[in-house]
Structures are given as structure tokens and as C-alpha cells.
Amino acid sequence: MGLLEDFIEEEIRKERKEEAKPEVEKKYGGIRLDANSKHEMVSTKQDASYEVKVINETSVDQDIRLVLKFLYNTEGENQMVWDTYVNGEKTPSDRDDSFTMELSVASGKHEKVRITVNPPPGAIYGERFEIVMDATSIRDQFLSDSITLITTAKPTVIAVKTQIGQEKNIADYLAGMAKRRNLGIYSILSPKPVKGYIFLEVMSPVLIEEAIGGMRKVRGVVAGESSIDEIEHFLTPKLAVEGIAEGDIVELSAGPFKSEKARVIKIDASNDEITVELFEATVPIPVTVRGDHVRVLEKEKKR
């Protein structure tokens, strides 16, 4: 056998040896966690809901271990256990507890994990509960990711039904009670236009229901809850000139021209003032008065 044939034979052996080697697993990407939200603020009558995607970005199917750790920002007597549910199953969520689960995720796919958190009735304003979620591939621990979900307790707005005409008295009574007892009442609103109801900004509606149980002239707490946005219009002072139009006939109720009748000729909403012309004046001189110093007698007749 010549040198050329020996060389060819050697190359053939190398090729066969390479073909006999097992295929090396090729991987790309890793394990990733993605949540629809990472921070929710909820009242004690609400749930915080998170949907976490466990994403497998590798080229092979993965068995993934999930570990949930629960962290509180309160200590001692203030600490209350927040109820936690994973895919509808209630899990232990004390300070030193953790929850572990496993799931299989196909290559290039994802699985969803739904987590629900419910604050306890006695949660205080700003109290925070955190879930640190770690995901690790069982076959390759270098493939991992972590995410933190934060839930913060906030107040809610409830309506208390009262006897009509007693709204202010009940509001004053509850304000005094809130100073003597820790009822978690942050504000009380008794809008003048609203008859038979007052609004409370509270942490725990349950505590309020217990506190007003049996109170005279109180009809109870209205089911459900509201929000600051829904009552915000009561907090904005109404301009006295609202409802007054140019051409209206008014009567002045204060000042040197009190009881005089006049016609509105100009409205200055920025300063809450109107300019009128007096009917009885010999010479029509414009007079500017505050919007709350007139009473509309007759609206302008539209042509």
C-alpha cells in the first residue's frame, strides 16, 4: 500500500470516528419569568392577581422547579398573614414559609402560573407583602431566573347610610370615635348635596361595621366599595357663578346695593365674580360683585 492510500485510509477512519460520536446537545437562551404586573395596591376587600409566564427559551424541553418565598415589611404584633393562592390552591405564607412546585415547559413555549394575594382585614396603610419567585431548570441549574411581586395595602372608600338630616352629626361622632379607638379611619366626607349618606376612607370596612353596629340613626354600611375618583367631584369647590348666565335677572344679597335688582352683563369665572347693571340706577353703571352675593330671580329668555 502506497503513502497516498495510507493517507486516504486514515482520513476515512477519522470520518467514521467522528460519525460515531454522540451528538452534543445544543442549547440557546435560558429560563425566563415574565409577569403581567409586579406591584399591585389593593384594599382589604380586594385581591391582587398576578399572571407569571415561565418561559423556556432553550432548544429542549425543561422540567422547572419554582420556589416562592414570602417576605413581610412589618414586625411583631403588626404582622398578619396574607392569604396566598397559587393556581387556585391556598399556600402557606408565614414569614418563614416557602412554597415549591414543579412544572414541565416545552422548548420555546411557556406555562402560566396564577398567583392571588389577599390582605388581612387588619392590614395597615402601606403594609407590604412580597413574593420572591425563583425558577430553576432541574437538569441545568445554571438556567434560572427570579422575579419579585409586591402587594401593598391601601385604604378604600365606603358609604355609610344614615338617617336623613343626621349626616353631619354621625360624621362628627365617628371622627371622635376614630381618635379614641384605632379604627383605621383616614377621612370622613359628608357632602351637602348627598342626603342620607356619608363616606369614609378606611383600611378595614369590617372594623367599621362592628363599630357602628347598633348606633342610633345609622342604617349600616352600604355593600361594596367606592374610590376617591368616584367622590372627587365633591371635594372640588363649586363656583358660585355656576348656573348664572349673561342676561339673567338677579337680586343682590349683600353690599351697598343689597335688595337691588340687576341684569347680569358679564361673568368672570376665574375670580368667581359677575358684573351687573342696576335697574333703578339713573345712569347704567356696571357693578362687579361676588357670585355668592346674588340670587337669580329670572333666567335669560332664549330667543
C-alpha atoms as a PDB file:
ATOM      1  CA  MET A   1       0.000   0.000   0.000  1.00  0.00           C
ATOM      2  CA  GLY A   2       1.406   3.380  -1.008  1.00  0.00           C
ATOM      3  CA  LEU A   3       1.612   6.560   1.026  1.00  0.00           C
ATOM      4  CA  LEU A   4      -1.404   8.103  -0.746  1.00  0.00           C
ATOM      5  CA  GLU A   5      -3.551   5.072   0.025  1.00  0.00           C
ATOM      6  CA  ASP A   6      -2.433   5.105   3.653  1.00  0.00           C
ATOM      7  CA  PHE A   7      -3.436   8.782   3.917  1.00  0.00           C
ATOM      8  CA  ILE A   8      -6.862   8.140   2.367  1.00  0.00           C
ATOM      9  CA  GLU A   9      -7.473   5.188   4.685  1.00  0.00           C
ATOM     10  CA  GLU A  10      -6.571   7.291   7.732  1.00  0.00           C
ATOM     11  CA  GLU A  11      -8.980  10.057   6.691  1.00  0.00           C
ATOM     12  CA  ILE A  12     -11.791   7.515   6.269  1.00  0.00           C
ATOM     13  CA  ARG A  13     -11.171   6.186   9.783  1.00  0.00           C
ATOM     14  CA  LYS A  14     -11.301   9.726  11.180  1.00  0.00           C
ATOM     15  CA  GLU A  15     -14.610  10.416   9.448  1.00  0.00           C
ATOM     16  CA  ARG A  16     -16.119   7.189  10.790  1.00  0.00           C
ATOM     17  CA  LYS A  17     -14.896   8.025  14.282  1.00  0.00           C
ATOM     18  CA  GLU A  18     -16.478  11.487  14.117  1.00  0.00           C
ATOM     19  CA  GLU A  19     -19.771   9.980  12.924  1.00  0.00           C
ATOM     20  CA  ALA A  20     -19.736   7.547  15.847  1.00  0.00           C
ATOM     21  CA  LYS A  21     -19.531  10.380  18.423  1.00  0.00           C
ATOM     22  CA  PRO A  22     -22.829  11.146  20.207  1.00  0.00           C
ATOM     23  CA  GLU A  23     -24.414  14.441  19.217  1.00  0.00           C
ATOM     24  CA  VAL A  24     -23.605  17.295  21.554  1.00  0.00           C
ATOM     25  CA  GLU A  25     -26.810  18.918  22.830  1.00  0.00           C
ATOM     26  CA  LYS A  26     -27.087  22.441  21.511  1.00  0.00           C
ATOM     27  CA  LYS A  27     -28.845  24.962  23.751  1.00  0.00           C
ATOM     28  CA  TYR A  28     -29.765  28.557  23.310  1.00  0.00           C
ATOM     29  CA  GLY A  29     -31.459  31.089  25.569  1.00  0.00           C
ATOM     30  CA  GLY A  30     -32.498  30.141  29.093  1.00  0.00           C
ATOM     31  CA  ILE A  31     -35.339  30.153  31.618  1.00  0.00           C
ATOM     32  CA  ARG A  32     -37.173  33.456  31.970  1.00  0.00           C
ATOM     33  CA  LEU A  33     -40.010  34.787  34.151  1.00  0.00           C
ATOM     34  CA  ASP A  34     -42.393  37.488  32.953  1.00  0.00           C
ATOM     35  CA  ALA A  35     -45.352  38.910  34.915  1.00  0.00           C
ATOM     36  CA  ASN A  36     -48.338  41.000  33.822  1.00  0.00           C
ATOM     37  CA  SER A  37     -47.695  43.189  36.875  1.00  0.00           C
ATOM     38  CA  LYS A  38     -45.025  43.355  39.564  1.00  0.00           C
ATOM     39  CA  HIS A  39     -46.726  45.717  42.020  1.00  0.00           C
ATOM     40  CA  GLU A  40     -50.387  45.997  42.996  1.00  0.00           C
ATOM     41  CA  MET A  41     -52.041  48.281  45.572  1.00  0.00           C
ATOM     42  CA  VAL A  42     -55.259  46.782  46.943  1.00  0.00           C
ATOM     43  CA  SER A  43     -57.682  47.274  49.805  1.00  0.00           C
ATOM     44  CA  THR A  44     -58.530  44.589  52.326  1.00  0.00           C
ATOM     45  CA  LYS A  45     -61.657  43.778  50.310  1.00  0.00           C
ATOM     46  CA  GLN A  46     -59.735  43.196  47.091  1.00  0.00           C
ATOM     47  CA  ASP A  47     -57.350  40.617  45.682  1.00  0.00           C
ATOM     48  CA  ALA A  48     -54.077  41.270  43.915  1.00  0.00           C
ATOM     49  CA  SER A  49     -53.816  38.997  40.876  1.00  0.00           C
ATOM     50  CA  TYR A  50     -50.575  38.186  39.075  1.00  0.00           C
ATOM     51  CA  GLU A  51     -50.063  36.042  35.984  1.00  0.00           C
ATOM     52  CA  VAL A  52     -46.476  34.868  35.674  1.00  0.00           C
ATOM     53  CA  LYS A  53     -45.195  33.256  32.480  1.00  0.00           C
ATOM     54  CA  VAL A  54     -42.480  30.636  32.954  1.00  0.00           C
ATOM     55  CA  ILE A  55     -40.716  30.762  29.586  1.00  0.00           C
ATOM     56  CA  ASN A  56     -38.405  28.086  28.223  1.00  0.00           C
ATOM     57  CA  GLU A  57     -36.098  29.705  25.665  1.00  0.00           C
ATOM     58  CA  THR A  58     -33.848  26.636  25.250  1.00  0.00           C
ATOM     59  CA  SER A  59     -33.983  24.132  22.415  1.00  0.00           C
ATOM     60  CA  VAL A  60     -35.016  21.249  24.680  1.00  0.00           C
ATOM     61  CA  ASP A  61     -37.942  20.551  26.988  1.00  0.00           C
ATOM     62  CA  GLN A  62     -37.288  21.558  30.593  1.00  0.00           C
ATOM     63  CA  ASP A  63     -38.545  20.457  33.991  1.00  0.00           C
ATOM     64  CA  ILE A  64     -38.518  23.603  36.107  1.00  0.00           C
ATOM     65  CA  ARG A  65     -38.644  23.986  39.865  1.00  0.00           C
ATOM     66  CA  LEU A  66     -40.415  27.069  41.217  1.00  0.00           C
ATOM     67  CA  VAL A  67     -39.764  28.285  44.765  1.00  0.00           C
ATOM     68  CA  LEU A  68     -41.878  31.078  46.284  1.00  0.00           C
ATOM     69  CA  LYS A  69     -40.519  32.900  49.351  1.00  0.00           C
ATOM     70  CA  PHE A  70     -42.742  35.234  51.378  1.00  0.00           C
ATOM     71  CA  LEU A  71     -41.413  38.487  52.853  1.00  0.00           C
ATOM     72  CA  TYR A  72     -43.148  40.997  55.167  1.00  0.00           C
ATOM     73  CA  ASN A  73     -42.162  44.577  55.968  1.00  0.00           C
ATOM     74  CA  THR A  74     -43.831  44.504  59.395  1.00  0.00           C
ATOM     75  CA  GLU A  75     -42.652  43.010  62.651  1.00  0.00           C
ATOM     76  CA  GLY A  76     -44.146  41.583  65.843  1.00  0.00           C
ATOM     77  CA  GLU A  77     -47.783  42.294  66.630  1.00  0.00           C
ATOM     78  CA  ASN A  78     -48.358  44.182  63.409  1.00  0.00           C
ATOM     79  CA  GLN A  79     -47.572  41.160  61.278  1.00  0.00           C
ATOM     80  CA  MET A  80     -50.641  39.415  59.936  1.00  0.00           C
ATOM     81  CA  VAL A  81     -50.563  36.561  57.464  1.00  0.00           C
ATOM     82  CA  TRP A  82     -51.635  37.460  53.941  1.00  0.00           C
ATOM     83  CA  ASP A  83     -53.538  34.702  52.166  1.00  0.00           C
ATOM     84  CA  THR A  84     -51.795  33.473  49.034  1.00  0.00           C
ATOM     85  CA  TYR A  85     -53.120  31.177  46.301  1.00  0.00           C
ATOM     86  CA  VAL A  86     -51.121  29.553  43.507  1.00  0.00           C
ATOM     87  CA  ASN A  87     -53.264  28.305  40.623  1.00  0.00           C
ATOM     88  CA  GLY A  88     -56.242  28.391  42.988  1.00  0.00           C
ATOM     89  CA  GLU A  89     -54.522  26.375  45.738  1.00  0.00           C
ATOM     90  CA  LYS A  90     -54.008  28.074  49.090  1.00  0.00           C
ATOM     91  CA  THR A  91     -50.371  28.043  50.125  1.00  0.00           C
ATOM     92  CA  PRO A  92     -48.622  28.635  53.477  1.00  0.00           C
ATOM     93  CA  SER A  93     -47.398  32.230  53.571  1.00  0.00           C
ATOM     94  CA  ASP A  94     -45.998  32.846  57.050  1.00  0.00           C
ATOM     95  CA  ARG A  95     -42.748  34.774  57.348  1.00  0.00           C
ATOM     96  CA  ASP A  96     -40.563  31.641  57.383  1.00  0.00           C
ATOM     97  CA  ASP A  97     -42.643  29.634  54.913  1.00  0.00           C
ATOM     98  CA  SER A  98     -41.919  28.879  51.286  1.00  0.00           C
ATOM     99  CA  PHE A  99     -43.794  27.053  48.561  1.00  0.00           C
ATOM    100  CA  THR A 100     -42.263  24.756  45.938  1.00  0.00           C
ATOM    101  CA  MET A 101     -43.782  23.367  42.768  1.00  0.00           C
ATOM    102  CA  GLU A 102     -42.526  21.794  39.546  1.00  0.00           C
ATOM    103  CA  LEU A 103     -43.772  22.067  36.004  1.00  0.00           C
ATOM    104  CA  SER A 104     -42.688  20.946  32.565  1.00  0.00           C
ATOM    105  CA  VAL A 105     -42.235  23.512  29.832  1.00  0.00           C
ATOM    106  CA  ALA A 106     -41.710  22.515  26.210  1.00  0.00           C
ATOM    107  CA  SER A 107     -38.881  24.016  24.170  1.00  0.00           C
ATOM    108  CA  GLY A 108     -39.713  27.536  23.029  1.00  0.00           C
ATOM    109  CA  LYS A 109     -43.000  27.513  24.986  1.00  0.00           C
ATOM    110  CA  HIS A 110     -44.272  28.902  28.279  1.00  0.00           C
ATOM    111  CA  GLU A 111     -46.571  27.896  31.113  1.00  0.00           C
ATOM    112  CA  LYS A 112     -48.657  30.291  33.199  1.00  0.00           C
ATOM    113  CA  VAL A 113     -48.729  30.427  36.991  1.00  0.00           C
ATOM    114  CA  ARG A 114     -51.543  32.455  38.549  1.00  0.00           C
ATOM    115  CA  ILE A 115     -50.896  33.963  41.974  1.00  0.00           C
ATOM    116  CA  THR A 116     -53.562  35.660  44.077  1.00  0.00           C
ATOM    117  CA  VAL A 117     -52.842  37.670  47.228  1.00  0.00           C
ATOM    118  CA  ASN A 118     -55.453  38.839  49.729  1.00  0.00           C
ATOM    119  CA  PRO A 119     -54.547  41.345  52.501  1.00  0.00           C
ATOM    120  CA  PRO A 120     -55.839  40.513  56.006  1.00  0.00           C
ATOM    121  CA  PRO A 121     -58.680  42.678  57.461  1.00  0.00           C
ATOM    122  CA  GLY A 122     -56.251  44.279  59.918  1.00  0.00           C
ATOM    123  CA  ALA A 123     -53.630  45.351  57.372  1.00  0.00           C
ATOM    124  CA  ILE A 124     -52.284  48.844  57.970  1.00  0.00           C
ATOM    125  CA  TYR A 125     -51.835  51.540  55.340  1.00  0.00           C
ATOM    126  CA  GLY A 126     -48.649  50.975  53.352  1.00  0.00           C
ATOM    127  CA  GLU A 127     -48.057  47.471  54.691  1.00  0.00           C
ATOM    128  CA  ARG A 128     -46.179  45.496  52.051  1.00  0.00           C
ATOM    129  CA  PHE A 129     -46.072  41.788  51.236  1.00  0.00           C
ATOM    130  CA  GLU A 130     -43.501  40.439  48.792  1.00  0.00           C
ATOM    131  CA  ILE A 131     -43.238  37.148  46.951  1.00  0.00           C
ATOM    132  CA  VAL A 132     -39.802  36.286  45.602  1.00  0.00           C
ATOM    133  CA  MET A 133     -40.260  33.685  42.870  1.00  0.00           C
ATOM    134  CA  ASP A 134     -37.230  31.664  41.711  1.00  0.00           C
ATOM    135  CA  ALA A 135     -37.333  29.387  38.658  1.00  0.00           C
ATOM    136  CA  THR A 136     -34.537  26.864  38.039  1.00  0.00           C
ATOM    137  CA  SER A 137     -34.106  24.118  35.460  1.00  0.00           C
ATOM    138  CA  ILE A 138     -33.813  20.747  37.212  1.00  0.00           C
ATOM    139  CA  ARG A 139     -31.387  19.386  34.582  1.00  0.00           C
ATOM    140  CA  ASP A 140     -29.213  22.511  34.438  1.00  0.00           C
ATOM    141  CA  GLN A 141     -29.147  24.764  37.495  1.00  0.00           C
ATOM    142  CA  PHE A 142     -27.324  27.469  35.565  1.00  0.00           C
ATOM    143  CA  LEU A 143     -30.615  28.091  33.766  1.00  0.00           C
ATOM    144  CA  SER A 144     -32.627  30.203  36.214  1.00  0.00           C
ATOM    145  CA  ASP A 145     -34.463  33.461  36.727  1.00  0.00           C
ATOM    146  CA  SER A 146     -36.110  35.361  39.587  1.00  0.00           C
ATOM    147  CA  ILE A 147     -38.924  37.867  39.941  1.00  0.00           C
ATOM    148  CA  THR A 148     -40.398  39.812  42.890  1.00  0.00           C
ATOM    149  CA  LEU A 149     -44.124  40.525  43.203  1.00  0.00           C
ATOM    150  CA  ILE A 150     -45.099  43.287  45.631  1.00  0.00           C
ATOM    151  CA  THR A 151     -48.575  43.851  47.088  1.00  0.00           C
ATOM    152  CA  THR A 152     -49.254  46.985  49.166  1.00  0.00           C
ATOM    153  CA  ALA A 153     -52.309  47.620  51.332  1.00  0.00           C
ATOM    154  CA  LYS A 154     -54.238  50.814  50.651  1.00  0.00           C
ATOM    155  CA  PRO A 155     -57.438  52.378  52.068  1.00  0.00           C
ATOM    156  CA  THR A 156     -60.817  52.059  50.431  1.00  0.00           C
ATOM    157  CA  VAL A 157     -63.890  54.297  50.413  1.00  0.00           C
ATOM    158  CA  ILE A 158     -67.157  53.015  51.849  1.00  0.00           C
ATOM    159  CA  ALA A 159     -70.576  54.628  52.198  1.00  0.00           C
ATOM    160  CA  VAL A 160     -72.462  54.631  55.500  1.00  0.00           C
ATOM    161  CA  LYS A 161     -76.213  55.077  55.351  1.00  0.00           C
ATOM    162  CA  THR A 162     -77.653  57.450  57.946  1.00  0.00           C
ATOM    163  CA  GLN A 163     -80.956  58.978  58.891  1.00  0.00           C
ATOM    164  CA  ILE A 164     -81.603  61.971  56.629  1.00  0.00           C
ATOM    165  CA  GLY A 165     -80.636  65.167  58.393  1.00  0.00           C
ATOM    166  CA  GLN A 166     -78.165  63.399  60.701  1.00  0.00           C
ATOM    167  CA  GLU A 167     -75.246  63.107  58.271  1.00  0.00           C
ATOM    168  CA  LYS A 168     -73.102  65.807  59.931  1.00  0.00           C
ATOM    169  CA  ASN A 169     -73.809  64.538  63.456  1.00  0.00           C
ATOM    170  CA  ILE A 170     -72.867  60.973  62.570  1.00  0.00           C
ATOM    171  CA  ALA A 171     -69.711  62.188  60.810  1.00  0.00           C
ATOM    172  CA  ASP A 172     -68.678  64.181  63.903  1.00  0.00           C
ATOM    173  CA  TYR A 173     -69.397  61.227  66.177  1.00  0.00           C
ATOM    174  CA  LEU A 174     -67.296  58.838  64.059  1.00  0.00           C
ATOM    175  CA  ALA A 175     -64.472  61.392  63.930  1.00  0.00           C
ATOM    176  CA  GLY A 176     -64.400  61.482  67.735  1.00  0.00           C
ATOM    177  CA  MET A 177     -64.560  57.688  67.923  1.00  0.00           C
ATOM    178  CA  ALA A 178     -61.665  57.377  65.470  1.00  0.00           C
ATOM    179  CA  LYS A 179     -59.489  59.499  67.781  1.00  0.00           C
ATOM    180  CA  ARG A 180     -60.242  57.276  70.765  1.00  0.00           C
ATOM    181  CA  ARG A 181     -60.006  53.923  69.005  1.00  0.00           C
ATOM    182  CA  ASN A 182     -57.785  52.551  66.263  1.00  0.00           C
ATOM    183  CA  LEU A 183     -60.458  52.108  63.602  1.00  0.00           C
ATOM    184  CA  GLY A 184     -58.264  52.876  60.625  1.00  0.00           C
ATOM    185  CA  ILE A 185     -60.393  55.865  59.522  1.00  0.00           C
ATOM    186  CA  TYR A 186     -58.323  58.311  57.466  1.00  0.00           C
ATOM    187  CA  SER A 187     -61.000  60.768  56.387  1.00  0.00           C
ATOM    188  CA  ILE A 188     -64.749  61.397  56.619  1.00  0.00           C
ATOM    189  CA  LEU A 189     -66.772  63.207  53.966  1.00  0.00           C
ATOM    190  CA  SER A 190     -70.324  64.459  54.375  1.00  0.00           C
ATOM    191  CA  PRO A 191     -71.199  66.246  51.098  1.00  0.00           C
ATOM    192  CA  LYS A 192     -74.008  68.748  51.497  1.00  0.00           C
ATOM    193  CA  PRO A 193     -75.846  67.648  48.304  1.00  0.00           C
ATOM    194  CA  VAL A 194     -75.894  63.983  49.397  1.00  0.00           C
ATOM    195  CA  LYS A 195     -78.759  63.141  51.738  1.00  0.00           C
ATOM    196  CA  GLY A 196     -78.670  60.091  53.988  1.00  0.00           C
ATOM    197  CA  TYR A 197     -75.067  59.048  53.302  1.00  0.00           C
ATOM    198  CA  ILE A 198     -71.541  59.833  54.443  1.00  0.00           C
ATOM    199  CA  PHE A 199     -68.276  58.494  53.007  1.00  0.00           C
ATOM    200  CA  LEU A 200     -65.360  57.055  54.962  1.00  0.00           C
ATOM    201  CA  GLU A 201     -61.822  56.378  53.779  1.00  0.00           C
ATOM    202  CA  VAL A 202     -60.848  53.320  55.805  1.00  0.00           C
ATOM    203  CA  MET A 203     -58.456  50.381  55.889  1.00  0.00           C
ATOM    204  CA  SER A 204     -60.909  47.755  57.150  1.00  0.00           C
ATOM    205  CA  PRO A 205     -64.649  48.017  56.409  1.00  0.00           C
ATOM    206  CA  VAL A 206     -65.172  45.083  58.795  1.00  0.00           C
ATOM    207  CA  LEU A 207     -63.951  47.154  61.755  1.00  0.00           C
ATOM    208  CA  ILE A 208     -66.301  49.980  60.804  1.00  0.00           C
ATOM    209  CA  GLU A 209     -69.280  47.626  60.559  1.00  0.00           C
ATOM    210  CA  GLU A 210     -68.515  46.365  64.054  1.00  0.00           C
ATOM    211  CA  ALA A 211     -68.016  49.892  65.431  1.00  0.00           C
ATOM    212  CA  ILE A 212     -71.309  51.316  64.161  1.00  0.00           C
ATOM    213  CA  GLY A 213     -73.372  48.216  64.886  1.00  0.00           C
ATOM    214  CA  GLY A 214     -76.377  49.279  66.939  1.00  0.00           C
ATOM    215  CA  MET A 215     -75.698  53.021  66.642  1.00  0.00           C
ATOM    216  CA  ARG A 216     -78.817  55.141  66.587  1.00  0.00           C
ATOM    217  CA  LYS A 217     -79.614  56.965  63.369  1.00  0.00           C
ATOM    218  CA  VAL A 218     -77.146  54.776  61.443  1.00  0.00           C
ATOM    219  CA  ARG A 219     -78.632  52.381  58.917  1.00  0.00           C
ATOM    220  CA  GLY A 220     -75.446  50.408  58.222  1.00  0.00           C
ATOM    221  CA  VAL A 221     -72.626  50.147  55.683  1.00  0.00           C
ATOM    222  CA  VAL A 222     -73.551  50.014  52.007  1.00  0.00           C
ATOM    223  CA  ALA A 223     -72.348  46.801  50.346  1.00  0.00           C
ATOM    224  CA  GLY A 224     -69.330  47.137  48.074  1.00  0.00           C
ATOM    225  CA  GLU A 225     -66.724  49.837  47.986  1.00  0.00           C
ATOM    226  CA  SER A 226     -66.014  53.024  46.109  1.00  0.00           C
ATOM    227  CA  SER A 227     -62.890  55.007  45.270  1.00  0.00           C
ATOM    228  CA  ILE A 228     -61.557  58.531  45.601  1.00  0.00           C
ATOM    229  CA  ASP A 229     -62.163  59.050  41.869  1.00  0.00           C
ATOM    230  CA  GLU A 230     -65.909  58.480  42.315  1.00  0.00           C
ATOM    231  CA  ILE A 231     -66.298  61.106  45.046  1.00  0.00           C
ATOM    232  CA  GLU A 232     -63.606  63.515  43.882  1.00  0.00           C
ATOM    233  CA  HIS A 233     -66.174  65.927  42.440  1.00  0.00           C
ATOM    234  CA  PHE A 234     -67.486  66.500  45.980  1.00  0.00           C
ATOM    235  CA  LEU A 235     -64.007  67.676  47.020  1.00  0.00           C
ATOM    236  CA  THR A 236     -63.806  70.375  44.349  1.00  0.00           C
ATOM    237  CA  PRO A 237     -65.434  73.636  45.496  1.00  0.00           C
ATOM    238  CA  LYS A 238     -68.307  74.660  43.279  1.00  0.00           C
ATOM    239  CA  LEU A 239     -68.060  78.160  41.830  1.00  0.00           C
ATOM    240  CA  ALA A 240     -70.819  80.494  42.922  1.00  0.00           C
ATOM    241  CA  VAL A 241     -71.183  81.765  39.343  1.00  0.00           C
ATOM    242  CA  GLU A 242     -72.043  78.293  38.057  1.00  0.00           C
ATOM    243  CA  GLY A 243     -75.610  78.312  36.801  1.00  0.00           C
ATOM    244  CA  ILE A 244     -75.598  82.074  36.221  1.00  0.00           C
ATOM    245  CA  ALA A 245     -75.697  83.313  32.623  1.00  0.00           C
ATOM    246  CA  GLU A 246     -75.427  86.691  30.964  1.00  0.00           C
ATOM    247  CA  GLY A 247     -78.871  88.309  30.756  1.00  0.00           C
ATOM    248  CA  ASP A 248     -80.180  86.704  33.977  1.00  0.00           C
ATOM    249  CA  ILE A 249     -82.138  88.905  36.350  1.00  0.00           C
ATOM    250  CA  VAL A 250     -80.662  88.762  39.863  1.00  0.00           C
ATOM    251  CA  GLU A 251     -81.149  90.285  43.292  1.00  0.00           C
ATOM    252  CA  LEU A 252     -78.127  91.461  45.254  1.00  0.00           C
ATOM    253  CA  SER A 253     -77.966  89.929  48.729  1.00  0.00           C
ATOM    254  CA  ALA A 254     -75.026  91.832  50.214  1.00  0.00           C
ATOM    255  CA  GLY A 255     -73.152  95.130  49.948  1.00  0.00           C
ATOM    256  CA  PRO A 256     -74.360  98.697  49.494  1.00  0.00           C
ATOM    257  CA  PHE A 257     -76.859  97.649  46.805  1.00  0.00           C
ATOM    258  CA  LYS A 258     -78.454  94.895  48.854  1.00  0.00           C
ATOM    259  CA  SER A 259     -82.011  94.007  47.716  1.00  0.00           C
ATOM    260  CA  GLU A 260     -81.496  95.844  44.409  1.00  0.00           C
ATOM    261  CA  LYS A 261     -82.399  94.053  41.172  1.00  0.00           C
ATOM    262  CA  ALA A 262     -79.979  93.962  38.257  1.00  0.00           C
ATOM    263  CA  ARG A 263     -79.183  92.280  34.965  1.00  0.00           C
ATOM    264  CA  VAL A 264     -76.018  90.212  34.508  1.00  0.00           C
ATOM    265  CA  ILE A 265     -73.819  91.624  31.747  1.00  0.00           C
ATOM    266  CA  LYS A 266     -70.542  89.774  32.336  1.00  0.00           C
ATOM    267  CA  ILE A 267     -69.274  86.664  34.148  1.00  0.00           C
ATOM    268  CA  ASP A 268     -65.692  86.248  35.413  1.00  0.00           C
ATOM    269  CA  ALA A 269     -65.428  82.567  36.344  1.00  0.00           C
ATOM    270  CA  SER A 270     -61.704  82.817  37.180  1.00  0.00           C
ATOM    271  CA  ASN A 271     -62.462  85.222  40.042  1.00  0.00           C
ATOM    272  CA  ASP A 272     -65.956  83.863  40.769  1.00  0.00           C
ATOM    273  CA  GLU A 273     -67.454  87.313  40.128  1.00  0.00           C
ATOM    274  CA  ILE A 274     -70.185  88.809  37.958  1.00  0.00           C
ATOM    275  CA  THR A 275     -70.804  92.301  36.600  1.00  0.00           C
ATOM    276  CA  VAL A 276     -74.351  93.641  36.667  1.00  0.00           C
ATOM    277  CA  GLU A 277     -76.299  96.757  35.720  1.00  0.00           C
ATOM    278  CA  LEU A 278     -78.745  98.033  38.325  1.00  0.00           C
ATOM    279  CA  PHE A 279     -82.316  98.542  37.174  1.00  0.00           C
ATOM    280  CA  GLU A 280     -83.020 101.527  39.451  1.00  0.00           C
ATOM    281  CA  ALA A 281     -79.811 103.438  38.701  1.00  0.00           C
ATOM    282  CA  THR A 282     -80.265 106.750  36.875  1.00  0.00           C
ATOM    283  CA  VAL A 283     -77.166 106.058  34.825  1.00  0.00           C
ATOM    284  CA  PRO A 284     -76.394 102.393  33.951  1.00  0.00           C
ATOM    285  CA  ILE A 285     -73.123 101.887  35.785  1.00  0.00           C
ATOM    286  CA  PRO A 286     -71.571  98.382  35.792  1.00  0.00           C
ATOM    287  CA  VAL A 287     -71.138  96.969  39.281  1.00  0.00           C
ATOM    288  CA  THR A 288     -68.937  93.933  39.988  1.00  0.00           C
ATOM    289  CA  VAL A 289     -69.971  91.655  42.866  1.00  0.00           C
ATOM    290  CA  ARG A 290     -69.098  88.189  44.146  1.00  0.00           C
ATOM    291  CA  GLY A 291     -71.032  85.326  42.679  1.00  0.00           C
ATOM    292  CA  ASP A 292     -72.390  84.286  46.078  1.00  0.00           C
ATOM    293  CA  HIS A 293     -73.770  87.802  46.683  1.00  0.00           C
ATOM    294  CA  VAL A 294     -76.604  87.440  44.194  1.00  0.00           C
ATOM    295  CA  ARG A 295     -79.725  85.355  43.868  1.00  0.00           C
ATOM    296  CA  VAL A 296     -81.116  84.512  40.436  1.00  0.00           C
ATOM    297  CA  LEU A 297     -84.700  85.720  40.054  1.00  0.00           C
ATOM    298  CA  GLU A 298     -85.262  85.069  36.378  1.00  0.00           C
ATOM    299  CA  LYS A 299     -83.230  83.207  33.793  1.00  0.00           C
ATOM    300  CA  GLU A 300     -82.454  84.816  30.462  1.00  0.00           C
ATOM    301  CA  LYS A 301     -85.133  84.052  27.926  1.00  0.00           C
ATOM    302  CA  LYS A 302     -83.541  82.445  24.932  1.00  0.00           C
ATOM    303  CA  ARG A 303     -84.723  83.788  21.644  1.00  0.00           C
END
